[in-house]
Amino acid sequence: MNAGSGVELLGDRQIGKSSVLQQIKHRAASALRLERKPIYLNLQEVHTEIEFYASLCEKLEMATCKGYSFFRAMRDRRVLLLLDEAEKMSWDGFTREVREQLRSLAEGENAPLRLVVAARTPLDRLFPDSHESGMTSPFQGICVRVELNTWHRETVQRFIISKLENTGVCFSDAEIEKLWQDSQGHPQKLMKACFDLYRQYR
């Protein structure tokens, strides 16, 4: 992001995309060279383009607007927009225009917007209406893809040990191995299995 690119955060359901977005939001003030106001917007909470602009403008503490009025209001702002569940932007109620406007505001190193877009489907395949019109995805070329994968066995072991520290509970090597085998490093599955095992100890 400091190099002028947005980020496409790609990963399966419950792999940790929302958690990463929240970490980016918390670390933005200290990690970004250019100060930007971090705005987290979960698109599961909005159902139409109108609601999208209303929610975003509310978080930006400005009057609800869209189109050129929104572009004009954004010109002198510097915002880090963290979009969760980007699939919603391909549903009925959203048009290509809102994505194109986000792109226009996100182009350039000193652009008003810097985007981090989390999705389960690659963005270049997510919006078929762009391809039908002979255009590329509005986010193509401005977002670098970062894939969230399942954890390696060593990461699983470090995670378990760190979470059990100062609890008085210690999982055996065999238990950790079973947790790894059962979850295959999927964070959400691993955490549930760890919680269930921890409750047995307590």
C-alpha atoms as a PDB file:
ATOM      1  CA  MET A   1       0.000   0.000   0.000  1.00  0.00           C
ATOM      2  CA  ASN A   2       2.899   2.349   0.669  1.00  0.00           C
ATOM      3  CA  ALA A   3       4.026   1.709  -2.902  1.00  0.00           C
ATOM      4  CA  GLY A   4       0.730   3.042  -4.241  1.00  0.00           C
ATOM      5  CA  SER A   5      -1.184  -0.212  -4.748  1.00  0.00           C
ATOM      6  CA  GLY A   6      -4.439  -1.460  -3.352  1.00  0.00           C
ATOM      7  CA  VAL A   7      -4.782  -5.022  -2.102  1.00  0.00           C
ATOM      8  CA  GLU A   8      -7.057  -7.857  -3.184  1.00  0.00           C
ATOM      9  CA  LEU A   9      -7.326 -10.103  -0.125  1.00  0.00           C
ATOM     10  CA  LEU A  10      -8.336 -13.516  -1.451  1.00  0.00           C
ATOM     11  CA  GLY A  11      -9.302 -16.519   0.645  1.00  0.00           C
ATOM     12  CA  ASP A  12     -11.908 -19.129   1.506  1.00  0.00           C
ATOM     13  CA  ARG A  13     -14.788 -18.469   3.869  1.00  0.00           C
ATOM     14  CA  GLN A  14     -13.704 -18.091   7.526  1.00  0.00           C
ATOM     15  CA  ILE A  15     -10.015 -18.227   6.609  1.00  0.00           C
ATOM     16  CA  GLY A  16      -9.399 -14.924   8.432  1.00  0.00           C
ATOM     17  CA  LYS A  17      -9.983 -12.156   5.868  1.00  0.00           C
ATOM     18  CA  SER A  18     -12.106 -10.038   8.221  1.00  0.00           C
ATOM     19  CA  SER A  19      -9.520 -10.404  10.985  1.00  0.00           C
ATOM     20  CA  VAL A  20      -6.762  -9.242   8.648  1.00  0.00           C
ATOM     21  CA  LEU A  21      -8.848  -6.227   7.617  1.00  0.00           C
ATOM     22  CA  GLN A  22      -9.335  -5.304  11.266  1.00  0.00           C
ATOM     23  CA  GLN A  23      -5.588  -5.614  11.904  1.00  0.00           C
ATOM     24  CA  ILE A  24      -4.878  -3.356   8.927  1.00  0.00           C
ATOM     25  CA  LYS A  25      -7.355  -0.826  10.329  1.00  0.00           C
ATOM     26  CA  HIS A  26      -5.640  -0.834  13.730  1.00  0.00           C
ATOM     27  CA  ARG A  27      -2.125  -0.591  12.303  1.00  0.00           C
ATOM     28  CA  ALA A  28      -2.801   1.960   9.562  1.00  0.00           C
ATOM     29  CA  ALA A  29      -1.823   4.986  11.646  1.00  0.00           C
ATOM     30  CA  SER A  30       1.669   3.642  12.368  1.00  0.00           C
ATOM     31  CA  ALA A  31       2.346   1.658   9.181  1.00  0.00           C
ATOM     32  CA  LEU A  32       1.227   3.943   6.338  1.00  0.00           C
ATOM     33  CA  ARG A  33       3.660   6.622   5.179  1.00  0.00           C
ATOM     34  CA  LEU A  34       0.773   8.796   3.985  1.00  0.00           C
ATOM     35  CA  GLU A  35      -1.798   9.338   6.708  1.00  0.00           C
ATOM     36  CA  ARG A  36      -5.182   7.902   5.766  1.00  0.00           C
ATOM     37  CA  LYS A  37      -8.433   7.546   7.678  1.00  0.00           C
ATOM     38  CA  PRO A  38      -9.169   3.771   7.863  1.00  0.00           C
ATOM     39  CA  ILE A  39     -12.799   2.888   7.113  1.00  0.00           C
ATOM     40  CA  TYR A  40     -14.012  -0.717   7.493  1.00  0.00           C
ATOM     41  CA  LEU A  41     -17.189  -1.499   5.568  1.00  0.00           C
ATOM     42  CA  ASN A  42     -18.755  -4.960   5.664  1.00  0.00           C
ATOM     43  CA  LEU A  43     -20.902  -5.250   2.548  1.00  0.00           C
ATOM     44  CA  GLN A  44     -23.057  -7.874   4.243  1.00  0.00           C
ATOM     45  CA  GLU A  45     -24.620  -4.939   6.061  1.00  0.00           C
ATOM     46  CA  VAL A  46     -25.723  -3.120   2.887  1.00  0.00           C
ATOM     47  CA  HIS A  47     -28.029  -4.393   0.163  1.00  0.00           C
ATOM     48  CA  THR A  48     -28.049  -1.730  -2.525  1.00  0.00           C
ATOM     49  CA  GLU A  49     -25.811   0.885  -4.057  1.00  0.00           C
ATOM     50  CA  ILE A  50     -27.832   3.585  -2.309  1.00  0.00           C
ATOM     51  CA  GLU A  51     -27.212   1.935   1.062  1.00  0.00           C
ATOM     52  CA  PHE A  52     -23.523   1.577   0.184  1.00  0.00           C
ATOM     53  CA  TYR A  53     -23.098   5.319  -0.336  1.00  0.00           C
ATOM     54  CA  ALA A  54     -25.218   6.125   2.724  1.00  0.00           C
ATOM     55  CA  SER A  55     -23.136   3.839   4.949  1.00  0.00           C
ATOM     56  CA  LEU A  56     -19.801   5.020   3.550  1.00  0.00           C
ATOM     57  CA  CYS A  57     -20.705   8.691   3.823  1.00  0.00           C
ATOM     58  CA  GLU A  58     -21.872   8.157   7.394  1.00  0.00           C
ATOM     59  CA  LYS A  59     -18.529   6.593   8.318  1.00  0.00           C
ATOM     60  CA  LEU A  60     -16.761   9.490   6.580  1.00  0.00           C
ATOM     61  CA  GLU A  61     -18.929  11.918   8.575  1.00  0.00           C
ATOM     62  CA  MET A  62     -20.228  13.738   5.515  1.00  0.00           C
ATOM     63  CA  ALA A  63     -23.618  14.257   3.897  1.00  0.00           C
ATOM     64  CA  THR A  64     -24.886  11.321   1.844  1.00  0.00           C
ATOM     65  CA  CYS A  65     -24.063  11.754  -1.830  1.00  0.00           C
ATOM     66  CA  LYS A  66     -23.054   9.753  -4.897  1.00  0.00           C
ATOM     67  CA  GLY A  67     -21.801  10.273  -8.434  1.00  0.00           C
ATOM     68  CA  TYR A  68     -19.919  13.507  -9.094  1.00  0.00           C
ATOM     69  CA  SER A  69     -20.985  14.959  -5.744  1.00  0.00           C
ATOM     70  CA  PHE A  70     -19.236  12.055  -4.003  1.00  0.00           C
ATOM     71  CA  PHE A  71     -16.153  12.434  -6.218  1.00  0.00           C
ATOM     72  CA  ARG A  72     -15.971  16.144  -5.412  1.00  0.00           C
ATOM     73  CA  ALA A  73     -16.365  15.507  -1.676  1.00  0.00           C
ATOM     74  CA  MET A  74     -13.556  12.926  -1.760  1.00  0.00           C
ATOM     75  CA  ARG A  75     -10.960  14.851  -3.742  1.00  0.00           C
ATOM     76  CA  ASP A  76      -9.168  16.354  -0.755  1.00  0.00           C
ATOM     77  CA  ARG A  77      -9.573  13.367   1.567  1.00  0.00           C
ATOM     78  CA  ARG A  78      -7.153  10.500   2.144  1.00  0.00           C
ATOM     79  CA  VAL A  79      -9.000   7.314   3.041  1.00  0.00           C
ATOM     80  CA  LEU A  80      -8.029   3.672   3.464  1.00  0.00           C
ATOM     81  CA  LEU A  81     -11.215   1.811   2.461  1.00  0.00           C
ATOM     82  CA  LEU A  82     -11.390  -1.771   3.739  1.00  0.00           C
ATOM     83  CA  LEU A  83     -14.185  -3.589   1.887  1.00  0.00           C
ATOM     84  CA  ASP A  84     -15.289  -6.932   3.312  1.00  0.00           C
ATOM     85  CA  GLU A  85     -17.466  -9.476   1.453  1.00  0.00           C
ATOM     86  CA  ALA A  86     -16.885  -7.845  -1.945  1.00  0.00           C
ATOM     87  CA  GLU A  87     -19.109 -10.471  -3.588  1.00  0.00           C
ATOM     88  CA  LYS A  88     -22.084  -8.344  -2.595  1.00  0.00           C
ATOM     89  CA  MET A  89     -21.049  -5.739  -5.182  1.00  0.00           C
ATOM     90  CA  SER A  90     -21.896  -8.224  -7.946  1.00  0.00           C
ATOM     91  CA  TRP A  91     -25.478  -8.723  -6.732  1.00  0.00           C
ATOM     92  CA  ASP A  92     -28.638  -6.981  -7.866  1.00  0.00           C
ATOM     93  CA  GLY A  93     -28.821  -3.511  -6.405  1.00  0.00           C
ATOM     94  CA  PHE A  94     -25.246  -2.641  -7.378  1.00  0.00           C
ATOM     95  CA  THR A  95     -24.140  -1.290 -10.741  1.00  0.00           C
ATOM     96  CA  ARG A  96     -20.765  -1.184 -12.458  1.00  0.00           C
ATOM     97  CA  GLU A  97     -20.681   2.582 -11.934  1.00  0.00           C
ATOM     98  CA  VAL A  98     -19.992   2.358  -8.189  1.00  0.00           C
ATOM     99  CA  ARG A  99     -16.977   0.105  -8.796  1.00  0.00           C
ATOM    100  CA  GLU A 100     -15.694   2.359 -11.558  1.00  0.00           C
ATOM    101  CA  GLN A 101     -15.986   5.362  -9.256  1.00  0.00           C
ATOM    102  CA  LEU A 102     -13.999   3.580  -6.551  1.00  0.00           C
ATOM    103  CA  ARG A 103     -11.338   2.805  -9.133  1.00  0.00           C
ATOM    104  CA  SER A 104     -11.157   6.393 -10.351  1.00  0.00           C
ATOM    105  CA  LEU A 105     -10.661   7.571  -6.770  1.00  0.00           C
ATOM    106  CA  ALA A 106      -8.009   4.903  -6.076  1.00  0.00           C
ATOM    107  CA  GLU A 107      -5.673   5.437  -9.034  1.00  0.00           C
ATOM    108  CA  GLY A 108      -2.325   7.060  -8.297  1.00  0.00           C
ATOM    109  CA  GLU A 109       0.066   7.067  -5.345  1.00  0.00           C
ATOM    110  CA  ASN A 110      -1.558  10.089  -3.713  1.00  0.00           C
ATOM    111  CA  ALA A 111      -5.124   9.103  -4.650  1.00  0.00           C
ATOM    112  CA  PRO A 112      -8.029   9.928  -2.323  1.00  0.00           C
ATOM    113  CA  LEU A 113      -8.706   6.213  -1.807  1.00  0.00           C
ATOM    114  CA  ARG A 114      -6.461   3.266  -1.092  1.00  0.00           C
ATOM    115  CA  LEU A 115      -8.461   0.024  -1.376  1.00  0.00           C
ATOM    116  CA  VAL A 116      -8.206  -3.298   0.425  1.00  0.00           C
ATOM    117  CA  VAL A 117     -10.890  -5.599  -0.979  1.00  0.00           C
ATOM    118  CA  ALA A 118     -11.589  -8.982   0.635  1.00  0.00           C
ATOM    119  CA  ALA A 119     -13.316 -11.686  -1.403  1.00  0.00           C
ATOM    120  CA  ARG A 120     -13.547 -15.428  -1.928  1.00  0.00           C
ATOM    121  CA  THR A 121     -13.502 -15.097  -5.729  1.00  0.00           C
ATOM    122  CA  PRO A 122     -10.684 -13.377  -7.663  1.00  0.00           C
ATOM    123  CA  LEU A 123     -11.797  -9.862  -8.537  1.00  0.00           C
ATOM    124  CA  ASP A 124     -11.049 -10.332 -12.245  1.00  0.00           C
ATOM    125  CA  ARG A 125     -13.724 -13.067 -12.284  1.00  0.00           C
ATOM    126  CA  LEU A 126     -16.159 -11.551  -9.830  1.00  0.00           C
ATOM    127  CA  PHE A 127     -17.773  -8.925 -12.023  1.00  0.00           C
ATOM    128  CA  PRO A 128     -19.006 -10.464 -15.306  1.00  0.00           C
ATOM    129  CA  ASP A 129     -20.848  -7.286 -16.344  1.00  0.00           C
ATOM    130  CA  SER A 130     -17.481  -5.636 -16.954  1.00  0.00           C
ATOM    131  CA  HIS A 131     -16.344  -8.428 -19.271  1.00  0.00           C
ATOM    132  CA  GLU A 132     -19.646  -8.437 -21.139  1.00  0.00           C
ATOM    133  CA  SER A 133     -19.044  -4.793 -21.990  1.00  0.00           C
ATOM    134  CA  GLY A 134     -15.553  -5.558 -23.264  1.00  0.00           C
ATOM    135  CA  MET A 135     -13.946  -3.979 -20.210  1.00  0.00           C
ATOM    136  CA  THR A 136     -11.600  -5.272 -17.560  1.00  0.00           C
ATOM    137  CA  SER A 137     -12.537  -5.552 -13.896  1.00  0.00           C
ATOM    138  CA  PRO A 138     -12.642  -2.079 -12.297  1.00  0.00           C
ATOM    139  CA  PHE A 139     -10.149  -3.255  -9.672  1.00  0.00           C
ATOM    140  CA  GLN A 140      -7.755  -4.938 -12.114  1.00  0.00           C
ATOM    141  CA  GLY A 141      -4.361  -3.274 -12.199  1.00  0.00           C
ATOM    142  CA  ILE A 142      -4.817  -1.255  -9.008  1.00  0.00           C
ATOM    143  CA  CYS A 143      -4.963  -4.127  -6.492  1.00  0.00           C
ATOM    144  CA  VAL A 144      -2.137  -6.576  -5.776  1.00  0.00           C
ATOM    145  CA  ARG A 145      -3.480 -10.044  -4.931  1.00  0.00           C
ATOM    146  CA  VAL A 146      -2.580 -11.480  -1.529  1.00  0.00           C
ATOM    147  CA  GLU A 147      -3.885 -14.984  -0.863  1.00  0.00           C
ATOM    148  CA  LEU A 148      -4.716 -16.172   2.640  1.00  0.00           C
ATOM    149  CA  ASN A 149      -3.972 -19.871   2.950  1.00  0.00           C
ATOM    150  CA  THR A 150      -4.342 -22.467   5.689  1.00  0.00           C
ATOM    151  CA  TRP A 151      -1.620 -22.504   8.339  1.00  0.00           C
ATOM    152  CA  HIS A 152       1.441 -24.743   8.251  1.00  0.00           C
ATOM    153  CA  ARG A 153       1.873 -27.283  11.048  1.00  0.00           C
ATOM    154  CA  GLU A 154       4.569 -25.159  12.687  1.00  0.00           C
ATOM    155  CA  THR A 155       2.258 -22.132  12.700  1.00  0.00           C
ATOM    156  CA  VAL A 156      -0.507 -24.218  14.268  1.00  0.00           C
ATOM    157  CA  GLN A 157       1.859 -25.376  17.009  1.00  0.00           C
ATOM    158  CA  ARG A 158       3.101 -21.847  17.744  1.00  0.00           C
ATOM    159  CA  PHE A 159      -0.477 -20.554  17.829  1.00  0.00           C
ATOM    160  CA  ILE A 160      -1.603 -23.205  20.328  1.00  0.00           C
ATOM    161  CA  ILE A 161       1.413 -22.746  22.596  1.00  0.00           C
ATOM    162  CA  SER A 162       1.038 -18.956  22.629  1.00  0.00           C
ATOM    163  CA  LYS A 163      -2.687 -19.116  23.456  1.00  0.00           C
ATOM    164  CA  LEU A 164      -2.160 -21.607  26.297  1.00  0.00           C
ATOM    165  CA  GLU A 165       0.595 -19.555  27.873  1.00  0.00           C
ATOM    166  CA  ASN A 166      -0.286 -18.536  31.441  1.00  0.00           C
ATOM    167  CA  THR A 167      -3.492 -20.633  31.433  1.00  0.00           C
ATOM    168  CA  GLY A 168      -2.095 -23.600  33.378  1.00  0.00           C
ATOM    169  CA  VAL A 169      -3.156 -25.901  30.524  1.00  0.00           C
ATOM    170  CA  CYS A 170      -0.759 -27.696  28.202  1.00  0.00           C
ATOM    171  CA  PHE A 171      -1.808 -29.822  25.234  1.00  0.00           C
ATOM    172  CA  SER A 172       0.262 -32.924  24.571  1.00  0.00           C
ATOM    173  CA  ASP A 173       2.199 -33.407  21.337  1.00  0.00           C
ATOM    174  CA  ALA A 174      -0.317 -36.074  20.338  1.00  0.00           C
ATOM    175  CA  GLU A 175      -3.226 -33.688  20.953  1.00  0.00           C
ATOM    176  CA  ILE A 176      -1.575 -30.931  18.935  1.00  0.00           C
ATOM    177  CA  GLU A 177      -0.938 -33.401  16.122  1.00  0.00           C
ATOM    178  CA  LYS A 178      -4.612 -34.431  16.147  1.00  0.00           C
ATOM    179  CA  LEU A 179      -5.725 -30.789  16.134  1.00  0.00           C
ATOM    180  CA  TRP A 180      -3.499 -30.198  13.114  1.00  0.00           C
ATOM    181  CA  GLN A 181      -4.740 -33.300  11.309  1.00  0.00           C
ATOM    182  CA  ASP A 182      -8.423 -32.564  12.002  1.00  0.00           C
ATOM    183  CA  SER A 183      -8.266 -28.894  11.017  1.00  0.00           C
ATOM    184  CA  GLN A 184      -5.636 -29.127   8.265  1.00  0.00           C
ATOM    185  CA  GLY A 185      -4.546 -25.678   9.377  1.00  0.00           C
ATOM    186  CA  HIS A 186      -7.873 -23.946   8.719  1.00  0.00           C
ATOM    187  CA  PRO A 187      -7.925 -21.182  11.383  1.00  0.00           C
ATOM    188  CA  GLN A 188     -11.636 -21.267  12.221  1.00  0.00           C
ATOM    189  CA  LYS A 189     -11.771 -25.069  12.449  1.00  0.00           C
ATOM    190  CA  LEU A 190      -8.578 -25.116  14.499  1.00  0.00           C
ATOM    191  CA  MET A 191      -9.802 -22.519  16.994  1.00  0.00           C
ATOM    192  CA  LYS A 192     -13.092 -24.344  17.534  1.00  0.00           C
ATOM    193  CA  ALA A 193     -11.295 -27.658  18.082  1.00  0.00           C
ATOM    194  CA  CYS A 194      -8.830 -26.004  20.480  1.00  0.00           C
ATOM    195  CA  PHE A 195     -11.665 -24.403  22.432  1.00  0.00           C
ATOM    196  CA  ASP A 196     -13.478 -27.730  22.741  1.00  0.00           C
ATOM    197  CA  LEU A 197     -10.323 -29.465  23.987  1.00  0.00           C
ATOM    198  CA  TYR A 198      -9.531 -26.596  26.363  1.00  0.00           C
ATOM    199  CA  ARG A 199     -13.003 -26.858  27.938  1.00  0.00           C
ATOM    200  CA  GLN A 200     -12.330 -30.535  28.698  1.00  0.00           C
ATOM    201  CA  TYR A 201      -9.194 -29.557  30.613  1.00  0.00           C
ATOM    202  CA  ARG A 202     -10.949 -26.794  32.547  1.00  0.00           C
END
